[in-house]
N, C-alpha and C. Protein backbone atom coordinates (compact mmCIF):
# COMPACT_ATOMS: atom_id res chain seq x y z
N UNK A 1 12.85 -0.95 -15.38
CA UNK A 1 11.90 -1.49 -14.59
C UNK A 1 10.52 -1.86 -15.00
N UNK A 2 9.89 -2.96 -14.74
CA UNK A 2 9.14 -3.50 -15.35
C UNK A 2 7.61 -3.49 -14.27
N UNK A 3 6.30 -3.06 -15.15
CA UNK A 3 5.00 -2.77 -13.90
C UNK A 3 4.04 -3.83 -14.61
N UNK A 4 3.44 -4.96 -14.08
CA UNK A 4 2.89 -5.54 -14.01
C UNK A 4 1.82 -6.13 -13.26
N UNK A 5 0.67 -6.44 -13.72
CA UNK A 5 -0.51 -6.83 -12.61
C UNK A 5 0.04 -8.61 -11.81
N UNK A 6 -0.52 -8.26 -10.77
CA UNK A 6 -0.15 -9.34 -9.60
C UNK A 6 -1.34 -10.66 -9.94
N UNK A 7 -0.96 -11.99 -9.62
CA UNK A 7 -1.34 -12.90 -9.93
C UNK A 7 -1.64 -13.73 -9.00
N UNK A 8 -2.23 -14.97 -9.40
CA UNK A 8 -2.28 -16.14 -7.81
C UNK A 8 -0.54 -16.79 -8.14
N UNK A 9 -0.13 -16.43 -8.77
CA UNK A 9 1.19 -16.89 -8.78
C UNK A 9 2.65 -16.06 -7.89
N UNK A 10 1.84 -14.80 -7.67
CA UNK A 10 2.94 -13.49 -6.92
C UNK A 10 2.50 -13.59 -5.87
N UNK A 11 1.16 -14.56 -5.44
CA UNK A 11 0.96 -14.71 -3.38
C UNK A 11 2.11 -14.48 -2.49
N UNK A 12 3.16 -16.27 -2.72
CA UNK A 12 3.95 -15.77 -1.75
C UNK A 12 4.97 -15.04 -1.81
N UNK A 13 5.91 -14.26 -3.25
CA UNK A 13 6.45 -13.34 -3.37
C UNK A 13 5.89 -12.05 -2.55
N UNK A 14 4.21 -11.55 -3.19
CA UNK A 14 4.44 -10.20 -2.20
C UNK A 14 4.17 -10.66 -0.77
N UNK A 15 3.82 -11.61 -0.50
CA UNK A 15 3.62 -11.74 1.23
C UNK A 15 4.72 -11.49 1.54
N UNK A 16 6.57 -12.01 0.87
CA UNK A 16 7.48 -11.82 1.13
C UNK A 16 7.93 -10.81 1.48
N UNK A 17 7.72 -9.48 0.43
CA UNK A 17 7.91 -8.23 0.37
C UNK A 17 7.28 -7.37 1.35
N UNK A 18 5.79 -8.22 1.76
CA UNK A 18 4.86 -7.13 2.40
C UNK A 18 5.49 -7.59 4.23
N UNK A 19 5.83 -8.49 4.20
CA UNK A 19 6.51 -8.99 5.52
C UNK A 19 8.00 -8.03 5.85
N UNK A 20 8.58 -8.05 4.67
CA UNK A 20 9.52 -7.82 5.03
C UNK A 20 9.87 -6.10 5.24
N UNK A 21 8.97 -5.60 4.76
CA UNK A 21 8.80 -4.00 4.94
C UNK A 21 7.81 -3.59 6.23
N UNK A 22 7.00 -4.65 6.54
CA UNK A 22 6.90 -3.89 7.42
C UNK A 22 7.89 -4.24 9.10
N UNK A 23 7.99 -5.55 8.53
CA UNK A 23 9.59 -5.34 9.65
C UNK A 23 10.78 -4.51 9.42
N UNK A 24 10.70 -3.68 8.70
CA UNK A 24 11.80 -2.57 9.11
C UNK A 24 11.29 -1.71 9.04
N UNK A 25 10.13 -0.88 8.28
CA UNK A 25 9.33 0.08 8.43
C UNK A 25 8.50 0.41 10.12
N UNK A 26 8.21 -0.79 10.27
CA UNK A 26 7.12 -0.74 11.84
C UNK A 26 7.92 -1.11 12.80
N UNK A 27 9.48 -1.44 12.37
CA UNK A 27 10.53 -1.72 14.05
C UNK A 27 9.86 -0.53 15.36
N UNK A 28 9.79 -0.98 16.31
CA UNK A 28 9.62 0.06 17.29
C UNK A 28 8.45 0.83 17.20
N UNK A 29 7.70 0.02 16.32
CA UNK A 29 6.18 0.64 16.16
C UNK A 29 5.07 -0.17 16.57
N UNK A 30 5.18 -0.99 16.04
CA UNK A 30 4.33 -3.11 16.38
C UNK A 30 4.90 -3.34 17.16
N UNK A 31 4.53 -4.16 18.26
CA UNK A 31 5.46 -5.14 19.18
C UNK A 31 6.17 -6.32 18.64
N UNK A 32 7.26 -6.23 18.72
CA UNK A 32 8.54 -6.99 18.25
C UNK A 32 7.99 -8.91 18.02
N UNK A 33 7.50 -9.37 19.08
CA UNK A 33 6.94 -9.97 19.04
C UNK A 33 5.44 -10.37 17.79
N UNK A 34 5.18 -9.80 17.33
CA UNK A 34 4.16 -9.35 16.36
C UNK A 34 4.69 -9.51 14.91
N UNK A 35 6.00 -8.78 15.00
CA UNK A 35 6.48 -8.57 13.94
C UNK A 35 7.25 -9.80 13.25
N UNK A 36 7.84 -10.73 14.12
CA UNK A 36 8.34 -11.75 13.67
C UNK A 36 7.74 -13.02 14.21
N UNK A 37 6.80 -12.94 14.65
CA UNK A 37 5.84 -14.08 14.68
C UNK A 37 4.90 -14.55 13.47
N UNK A 38 3.49 -14.29 14.01
CA UNK A 38 2.59 -14.54 12.87
C UNK A 38 2.09 -13.77 11.89
N UNK A 39 2.94 -12.79 11.80
CA UNK A 39 2.98 -11.58 10.45
C UNK A 39 2.34 -12.13 9.46
N UNK A 40 4.22 -12.92 9.09
CA UNK A 40 4.17 -13.86 7.54
C UNK A 40 3.40 -14.45 7.29
N UNK A 41 2.69 -15.43 7.90
CA UNK A 41 1.53 -16.00 7.55
C UNK A 41 0.28 -15.36 7.47
N UNK A 42 -0.14 -14.39 8.28
CA UNK A 42 -1.18 -13.36 8.08
C UNK A 42 -1.24 -13.03 6.54
N UNK A 43 0.27 -12.68 6.33
CA UNK A 43 0.21 -11.88 4.97
C UNK A 43 0.23 -13.09 3.98
N UNK A 44 0.54 -13.96 4.34
CA UNK A 44 0.13 -15.13 3.07
C UNK A 44 -0.87 -15.78 3.11
N UNK A 45 -1.78 -15.77 3.87
CA UNK A 45 -2.98 -15.99 3.55
C UNK A 45 -3.88 -14.41 2.79
N UNK A 46 -3.78 -13.35 3.47
CA UNK A 46 -4.08 -11.86 2.64
C UNK A 46 -4.02 -12.28 1.31
N UNK A 47 -2.79 -12.44 0.98
CA UNK A 47 -2.28 -12.64 -0.56
C UNK A 47 -2.91 -13.45 -1.20
N UNK A 48 -2.88 -14.81 -0.82
CA UNK A 48 -3.33 -15.74 -1.68
C UNK A 48 -4.17 -15.55 -1.80
N UNK A 49 -5.52 -14.92 -0.91
CA UNK A 49 -6.99 -14.59 -1.08
C UNK A 49 -6.99 -13.74 -1.73
N UNK A 50 -6.43 -12.50 -1.98
CA UNK A 50 -6.45 -11.79 -2.83
C UNK A 50 -6.22 -11.94 -4.15
N UNK A 51 -5.08 -12.66 -4.61
CA UNK A 51 -4.64 -12.67 -5.81
C UNK A 51 -5.69 -14.15 -6.26
N UNK A 52 -6.53 -14.72 -5.59
CA UNK A 52 -7.61 -15.52 -6.08
C UNK A 52 -8.67 -15.42 -6.77
N UNK A 53 -8.97 -14.22 -6.03
CA UNK A 53 -10.37 -13.90 -6.08
C UNK A 53 -9.98 -12.06 -6.80
N UNK A 54 -9.37 -11.72 -8.13
CA UNK A 54 -9.73 -10.80 -8.72
C UNK A 54 -11.15 -9.81 -8.69
N UNK A 55 -10.91 -8.66 -8.87
CA UNK A 55 -12.46 -8.05 -9.52
C UNK A 55 -11.94 -6.83 -9.77
N UNK A 56 -12.81 -6.26 -10.42
CA UNK A 56 -12.43 -4.73 -11.05
C UNK A 56 -12.82 -4.11 -10.19
N UNK A 57 -12.78 -3.99 -8.81
CA UNK A 57 -12.86 -2.78 -8.17
C UNK A 57 -11.43 -2.82 -7.17
N UNK A 58 -10.77 -4.10 -7.94
CA UNK A 58 -8.56 -3.79 -7.18
C UNK A 58 -7.81 -3.72 -8.10
N UNK A 59 -7.13 -3.48 -7.80
CA UNK A 59 -5.91 -3.27 -8.60
C UNK A 59 -4.59 -3.99 -7.59
N UNK A 60 -3.79 -4.80 -8.22
CA UNK A 60 -2.59 -5.22 -7.55
C UNK A 60 -1.50 -5.07 -8.73
N UNK A 61 -0.99 -4.00 -9.00
CA UNK A 61 0.28 -3.80 -9.56
C UNK A 61 1.99 -4.26 -9.08
N UNK A 62 2.71 -4.88 -9.34
CA UNK A 62 3.80 -5.27 -9.10
C UNK A 62 5.11 -4.40 -10.09
N UNK A 63 6.06 -3.79 -9.30
CA UNK A 63 7.19 -3.37 -9.68
C UNK A 63 8.30 -4.74 -9.73
N UNK A 64 8.86 -4.51 -10.87
CA UNK A 64 10.00 -5.92 -10.84
C UNK A 64 11.19 -5.38 -11.91
N UNK A 65 12.41 -5.75 -11.01
CA UNK A 65 13.38 -5.82 -12.12
C UNK A 65 14.39 -6.98 -12.20
N UNK A 66 14.62 -7.48 -13.59
CA UNK A 66 15.24 -9.19 -13.34
C UNK A 66 14.48 -9.83 -12.59
N UNK A 67 13.26 -10.09 -12.46
CA UNK A 67 12.41 -10.78 -11.64
C UNK A 67 12.20 -10.51 -10.85
N UNK A 68 13.05 -9.80 -9.91
CA UNK A 68 12.82 -9.31 -8.48
C UNK A 68 11.96 -8.86 -8.17
N UNK A 69 10.78 -8.80 -7.12
CA UNK A 69 10.09 -8.07 -6.67
C UNK A 69 10.72 -6.82 -6.03
N UNK A 70 10.34 -5.11 -6.03
CA UNK A 70 10.97 -4.47 -5.60
C UNK A 70 10.00 -3.72 -4.80
N UNK A 71 8.23 -3.80 -5.36
CA UNK A 71 7.69 -2.92 -4.97
C UNK A 71 5.98 -3.42 -5.31
N UNK A 72 5.11 -2.96 -5.07
CA UNK A 72 3.74 -3.42 -5.05
C UNK A 72 2.74 -2.30 -4.60
N UNK A 73 1.15 -2.01 -5.43
CA UNK A 73 0.97 -1.33 -4.99
C UNK A 73 -0.47 -2.34 -5.26
N UNK A 74 -1.66 -1.96 -3.99
CA UNK A 74 -2.94 -2.80 -3.53
C UNK A 74 -3.93 -1.78 -3.68
N UNK A 75 -4.61 -1.11 -4.56
CA UNK A 75 -5.98 -0.24 -4.25
C UNK A 75 -7.29 -0.95 -4.95
N UNK A 76 -8.43 -0.30 -3.48
CA UNK A 76 -10.23 -0.89 -4.13
C UNK A 76 -10.23 0.45 -3.50
N UNK A 77 -11.99 -0.33 -3.85
CA UNK A 77 -12.96 1.12 -3.64
C UNK A 77 -13.28 0.80 -2.44
N UNK A 78 -13.78 1.49 -1.73
CA UNK A 78 -13.97 1.63 -0.14
C UNK A 78 -15.68 2.10 -0.07
N UNK A 79 -15.87 1.41 1.13
CA UNK A 79 -17.41 1.55 0.99
C UNK A 79 -18.08 2.78 0.89
N UNK A 80 -17.20 4.16 1.21
CA UNK A 80 -18.11 5.28 1.03
C UNK A 80 -17.69 6.02 -0.62
N UNK A 81 -17.04 5.20 -1.03
CA UNK A 81 -16.55 5.03 -2.71
C UNK A 81 -15.56 5.71 -3.35
N UNK A 82 -14.84 5.88 -1.79
CA UNK A 82 -13.19 6.42 -2.41
C UNK A 82 -12.38 5.61 -2.75
N UNK A 83 -11.00 5.54 -3.56
CA UNK A 83 -10.53 4.66 -3.84
C UNK A 83 -9.96 4.95 -2.55
N UNK A 84 -9.01 3.51 -1.86
CA UNK A 84 -8.77 3.42 -1.15
C UNK A 84 -7.15 2.68 -1.76
N UNK A 85 -5.57 3.30 -1.16
CA UNK A 85 -4.50 2.56 -1.28
C UNK A 85 -4.09 1.84 -0.07
N UNK A 86 -4.77 0.11 -0.06
CA UNK A 86 -4.75 -0.34 0.66
C UNK A 86 -3.05 -0.74 1.26
N UNK A 87 -2.25 -0.72 0.30
CA UNK A 87 -1.09 -1.40 0.42
C UNK A 87 0.10 -0.45 -0.70
N UNK A 88 1.17 -0.22 -0.01
CA UNK A 88 2.48 0.56 -1.15
C UNK A 88 3.59 0.47 -0.64
N UNK A 89 3.72 -0.78 -1.03
CA UNK A 89 5.43 -1.18 -0.57
C UNK A 89 6.74 -1.09 -1.18
N UNK A 90 8.09 -0.73 -0.95
CA UNK A 90 8.78 -0.91 -1.79
C UNK A 90 9.93 -1.80 -0.84
N UNK A 91 10.41 -3.30 -1.41
CA UNK A 91 11.78 -3.68 -0.94
C UNK A 91 12.63 -2.95 -0.24
N UNK A 92 12.95 -3.37 1.55
CA UNK A 92 13.87 -2.44 1.92
C UNK A 92 15.36 -2.80 1.50
N UNK A 93 15.60 -1.88 1.24
CA UNK A 93 16.83 -1.52 0.35
C UNK A 93 16.44 -0.90 -0.65
N UNK A 94 15.85 -0.75 -1.30
CA UNK A 94 15.17 -0.35 -2.49
C UNK A 94 13.85 1.31 -1.97
N UNK A 95 14.17 1.30 -0.72
CA UNK A 95 13.37 2.45 -0.39
C UNK A 95 13.98 3.76 -0.77
N UNK A 96 13.31 4.66 -1.36
CA UNK A 96 13.75 5.83 -1.82
C UNK A 96 14.75 6.06 -3.13
N UNK A 97 14.40 4.81 -3.71
CA UNK A 97 14.74 5.03 -5.31
C UNK A 97 13.58 5.34 -5.84
N UNK A 98 12.27 5.83 -5.87
CA UNK A 98 11.47 5.90 -6.84
C UNK A 98 10.55 5.36 -7.07
N UNK A 99 10.63 3.99 -6.51
CA UNK A 99 9.43 2.98 -6.17
C UNK A 99 7.76 3.49 -6.35
N UNK A 100 8.17 3.65 -4.76
CA UNK A 100 6.53 3.92 -4.69
C UNK A 100 5.92 5.02 -5.12
N UNK A 101 7.23 6.06 -5.83
CA UNK A 101 6.30 7.42 -6.57
C UNK A 101 5.92 6.72 -7.88
N UNK A 102 6.69 6.01 -8.45
CA UNK A 102 6.33 5.33 -9.50
C UNK A 102 4.95 4.49 -9.50
N UNK A 103 4.59 3.75 -8.73
CA UNK A 103 3.48 2.65 -8.27
C UNK A 103 2.17 3.36 -7.88
N UNK A 104 2.82 4.67 -6.91
CA UNK A 104 1.57 5.41 -6.64
C UNK A 104 1.06 6.39 -7.98
N UNK A 105 1.85 6.76 -8.82
CA UNK A 105 1.24 7.27 -9.87
C UNK A 105 0.88 6.50 -11.16
N UNK A 106 0.88 5.13 -10.89
CA UNK A 106 0.08 3.93 -11.98
C UNK A 106 -1.35 3.98 -11.09
N UNK A 107 -1.20 3.78 -9.64
CA UNK A 107 -2.67 3.39 -9.18
C UNK A 107 -3.53 5.13 -8.86
N UNK A 108 -2.75 6.43 -9.13
CA UNK A 108 -4.00 7.27 -9.67
C UNK A 108 -4.18 7.28 -10.53
N UNK A 109 -3.33 6.55 -11.59
CA UNK A 109 -4.27 6.57 -12.93
C UNK A 109 -5.07 5.78 -13.33
N UNK A 110 -4.81 4.25 -12.38
CA UNK A 110 -6.09 3.49 -12.49
C UNK A 110 -7.45 3.79 -11.60
N UNK A 111 -7.01 4.84 -10.61
CA UNK A 111 -8.06 5.01 -10.39
C UNK A 111 -9.01 6.43 -10.90
N UNK A 112 -7.85 7.18 -11.72
CA UNK A 112 -9.16 8.33 -12.63
C UNK A 112 -9.11 7.67 -13.79
N UNK A 113 -8.85 6.85 -14.05
CA UNK A 113 -9.96 5.99 -15.39
C UNK A 113 -10.75 5.13 -14.90
N UNK A 114 -11.16 4.37 -13.73
CA UNK A 114 -11.89 3.11 -13.75
C UNK A 114 -12.82 3.62 -12.63
N UNK A 115 -12.35 5.18 -12.00
CA UNK A 115 -13.16 5.64 -10.82
C UNK A 115 -13.10 7.06 -10.95
N UNK A 116 -13.52 7.39 -12.19
CA UNK A 116 -13.41 9.28 -11.90
C UNK A 116 -14.42 9.81 -11.17
N UNK A 117 -13.53 11.01 -10.41
CA UNK A 117 -14.07 12.07 -9.47
C UNK A 117 -14.42 11.32 -8.42
N UNK A 118 -13.75 10.05 -8.20
CA UNK A 118 -12.88 9.92 -6.79
C UNK A 118 -12.04 10.24 -6.12
N UNK A 119 -11.88 10.35 -4.94
CA UNK A 119 -11.40 10.76 -4.00
C UNK A 119 -10.59 9.70 -3.92
N UNK A 120 -9.03 9.81 -3.60
CA UNK A 120 -7.78 8.69 -3.69
C UNK A 120 -7.54 8.76 -1.88
N UNK A 121 -7.48 7.78 -1.14
CA UNK A 121 -6.51 8.06 0.38
C UNK A 121 -6.19 6.96 0.39
N UNK A 122 -5.32 6.53 1.79
CA UNK A 122 -4.51 5.94 2.76
C UNK A 122 -4.33 6.22 3.98
N UNK A 123 -3.66 5.16 4.56
CA UNK A 123 -3.85 5.27 5.94
C UNK A 123 -2.20 5.28 6.04
N UNK A 124 -1.50 5.89 7.28
CA UNK A 124 -0.47 5.25 7.33
C UNK A 124 0.05 5.77 8.96
N UNK A 125 0.74 4.91 9.57
CA UNK A 125 1.00 4.55 10.72
C UNK A 125 1.59 5.74 11.30
N UNK A 126 1.38 6.94 13.03
CA UNK A 126 1.89 7.79 13.54
C UNK A 126 2.92 7.18 13.37
N UNK A 127 4.08 8.18 13.44
CA UNK A 127 5.35 7.26 14.22
C UNK A 127 6.57 6.58 12.34
N UNK A 128 5.76 6.41 11.44
CA UNK A 128 6.30 5.82 10.37
C UNK A 128 6.68 7.09 9.54
N UNK A 129 7.70 8.26 9.98
CA UNK A 129 7.84 9.38 9.65
C UNK A 129 8.59 9.82 7.74
N UNK A 130 9.21 8.75 7.88
CA UNK A 130 9.90 8.56 6.33
C UNK A 130 8.36 8.30 5.44
N UNK A 131 7.59 7.57 5.54
CA UNK A 131 6.51 7.32 4.88
C UNK A 131 5.00 8.57 4.69
N UNK A 132 5.50 8.77 6.15
CA UNK A 132 4.06 10.64 6.19
C UNK A 132 4.94 11.35 5.20
N UNK A 133 6.57 11.61 5.04
CA UNK A 133 7.02 13.13 4.45
C UNK A 133 6.44 12.73 3.06
N UNK A 134 6.96 10.89 2.75
CA UNK A 134 6.41 10.69 1.16
C UNK A 134 5.19 11.06 0.95
N UNK A 135 4.16 11.31 1.53
CA UNK A 135 2.65 11.21 1.20
C UNK A 135 2.87 12.65 0.95
N UNK A 136 3.31 13.60 1.79
CA UNK A 136 2.89 14.64 1.68
C UNK A 136 3.48 14.97 0.23
N UNK A 137 5.19 14.63 0.44
CA UNK A 137 5.89 14.92 -1.02
C UNK A 137 4.83 14.71 -2.33
N UNK A 138 4.00 13.84 -1.68
CA UNK A 138 3.46 13.22 -3.22
C UNK A 138 1.98 14.28 -3.41
N UNK A 139 1.82 15.33 -2.36
CA UNK A 139 0.47 16.40 -2.30
C UNK A 139 -0.59 15.61 -1.44
N UNK A 140 -0.50 14.33 -0.73
CA UNK A 140 -1.25 14.17 -0.16
C UNK A 140 -2.07 15.41 1.56
N UNK A 141 -3.03 15.06 1.54
CA UNK A 141 -3.48 16.08 2.73
C UNK A 141 -4.28 15.72 3.91
N UNK A 142 -3.62 15.81 4.79
CA UNK A 142 -3.96 15.00 6.44
C UNK A 142 -5.48 15.34 6.73
N UNK A 143 -6.32 14.27 5.82
CA UNK A 143 -7.52 14.67 6.14
C UNK A 143 -8.38 13.56 7.44
N UNK A 144 -7.64 12.74 8.65
CA UNK A 144 -7.87 12.80 9.73
C UNK A 144 -7.12 11.99 10.14
N UNK A 145 -7.32 11.46 11.60
CA UNK A 145 -6.75 10.43 12.71
C UNK A 145 -7.38 10.05 13.32
N UNK A 146 -6.91 8.61 13.79
CA UNK A 146 -8.03 7.75 14.42
C UNK A 146 -6.89 6.30 14.79
N UNK A 147 -7.48 5.80 16.00
CA UNK A 147 -6.61 4.91 16.35
C UNK A 147 -7.46 3.60 15.36
N UNK A 148 -6.43 2.71 15.19
CA UNK A 148 -6.42 1.55 14.31
C UNK A 148 -6.25 0.42 14.91
N UNK A 149 -6.72 -0.74 15.26
CA UNK A 149 -7.28 -1.61 16.46
C UNK A 149 -7.37 -2.95 15.51
N UNK A 150 -5.53 -3.70 16.04
CA UNK A 150 -5.21 -4.59 15.30
C UNK A 150 -5.80 -6.04 15.92
N UNK A 151 -6.30 -7.02 14.58
CA UNK A 151 -6.81 -8.48 15.04
C UNK A 151 -5.73 -9.29 16.13
N UNK A 152 -4.49 -8.55 16.55
CA UNK A 152 -3.23 -9.55 16.92
C UNK A 152 -3.60 -8.88 18.65
N UNK A 153 -4.29 -8.03 18.74
CA UNK A 153 -4.84 -7.11 20.13
C UNK A 153 -4.07 -6.09 20.26
N UNK A 154 -3.70 -5.27 19.82
CA UNK A 154 -2.95 -4.04 19.96
C UNK A 154 -3.61 -2.88 19.27
N UNK A 155 -3.33 -1.34 19.63
CA UNK A 155 -3.51 -0.45 18.67
C UNK A 155 -2.55 0.56 18.70
N UNK A 156 -2.92 0.99 17.24
CA UNK A 156 -2.36 2.04 17.42
C UNK A 156 -2.56 3.40 16.48
N UNK A 157 -2.21 4.51 16.10
CA UNK A 157 -2.46 5.66 16.06
C UNK A 157 -2.18 6.12 14.72
N UNK A 158 -3.09 6.04 13.33
CA UNK A 158 -2.91 6.17 12.26
C UNK A 158 -3.46 7.69 12.28
N UNK A 159 -2.50 8.04 10.87
CA UNK A 159 -3.26 9.46 9.95
C UNK A 159 -3.74 9.03 8.55
N UNK A 160 -4.75 9.78 8.12
CA UNK A 160 -5.35 9.64 7.02
C UNK A 160 -4.82 10.26 6.05
N UNK A 161 -4.25 9.97 4.40
CA UNK A 161 -3.99 10.92 3.95
C UNK A 161 -4.82 10.96 2.31
N UNK A 162 -4.88 12.13 1.76
CA UNK A 162 -6.30 12.07 0.98
C UNK A 162 -5.68 13.19 -0.35
N UNK A 163 -6.07 12.11 -1.45
CA UNK A 163 -5.87 13.23 -2.50
C UNK A 163 -6.83 13.57 -3.39
N UNK A 164 -7.70 15.04 -3.23
CA UNK A 164 -8.72 15.12 -4.18
C UNK A 164 -9.29 14.55 -5.40
N UNK A 165 -10.25 14.37 -5.33
CA UNK A 165 -10.59 13.51 -7.29
C UNK A 165 -9.50 14.54 -8.10
N UNK A 166 -10.32 15.82 -8.14
CA UNK A 166 -9.31 16.95 -9.20
C UNK A 166 -8.45 16.96 -9.18
N UNK A 167 -7.46 16.14 -8.27
CA UNK A 167 -6.10 16.53 -8.63
C UNK A 167 -5.82 15.14 -8.93
N UNK A 168 -6.47 13.87 -9.06
CA UNK A 168 -5.96 12.50 -8.66
C UNK A 168 -4.99 12.28 -10.58
N UNK A 169 -6.48 12.73 -11.39
CA UNK A 169 -5.69 12.59 -13.07
C UNK A 169 -4.62 13.37 -13.07
N UNK A 170 -4.28 14.64 -12.52
CA UNK A 170 -3.22 15.14 -12.57
C UNK A 170 -1.48 14.38 -11.99
N UNK A 171 -2.26 13.61 -10.94
CA UNK A 171 -1.10 13.01 -10.18
C UNK A 171 -1.04 11.37 -10.88
N UNK A 172 -1.52 11.17 -12.09
CA UNK A 172 -1.81 9.78 -12.37
C UNK A 172 0.30 9.72 -13.49
N UNK A 173 0.16 8.74 -13.84
CA UNK A 173 1.47 8.40 -14.26
C UNK A 173 1.32 8.69 -15.86
């Protein structure tokens, strides 16, 4: 498996994987008409914008094998100065093969090197039991629960997981 930084040329492939991941992981959690409707276009616009304007405060790392995109992680710095794992996805059919683990470790390495002393956190939807179990196995600590209000007009419960700054460098790749 090869890891590399995402570029504008990757936006369409990232959006496709992101959409496939949501359709697989969030079936039954999000309305089907949303997952099968505007989701792909929303993801495409998001990834075209993000890859067109890279900054030092973001990291987009891709996992590939023989030119197939198998997963990606996107991190950025939050307003509260923590490092936010905004997206971590493995291609359906490859979930559970270690891709997420390897990407998360590389994300921790970036956070430790570029933003030392900062906690790393992410949000996961309540009901996404596989992801919740994964983050707990990776040492994430449940630090908050809240409601996520989606622009599409529905709300979902989410759980925040945090890796304290003191543990981030130890968990890095």
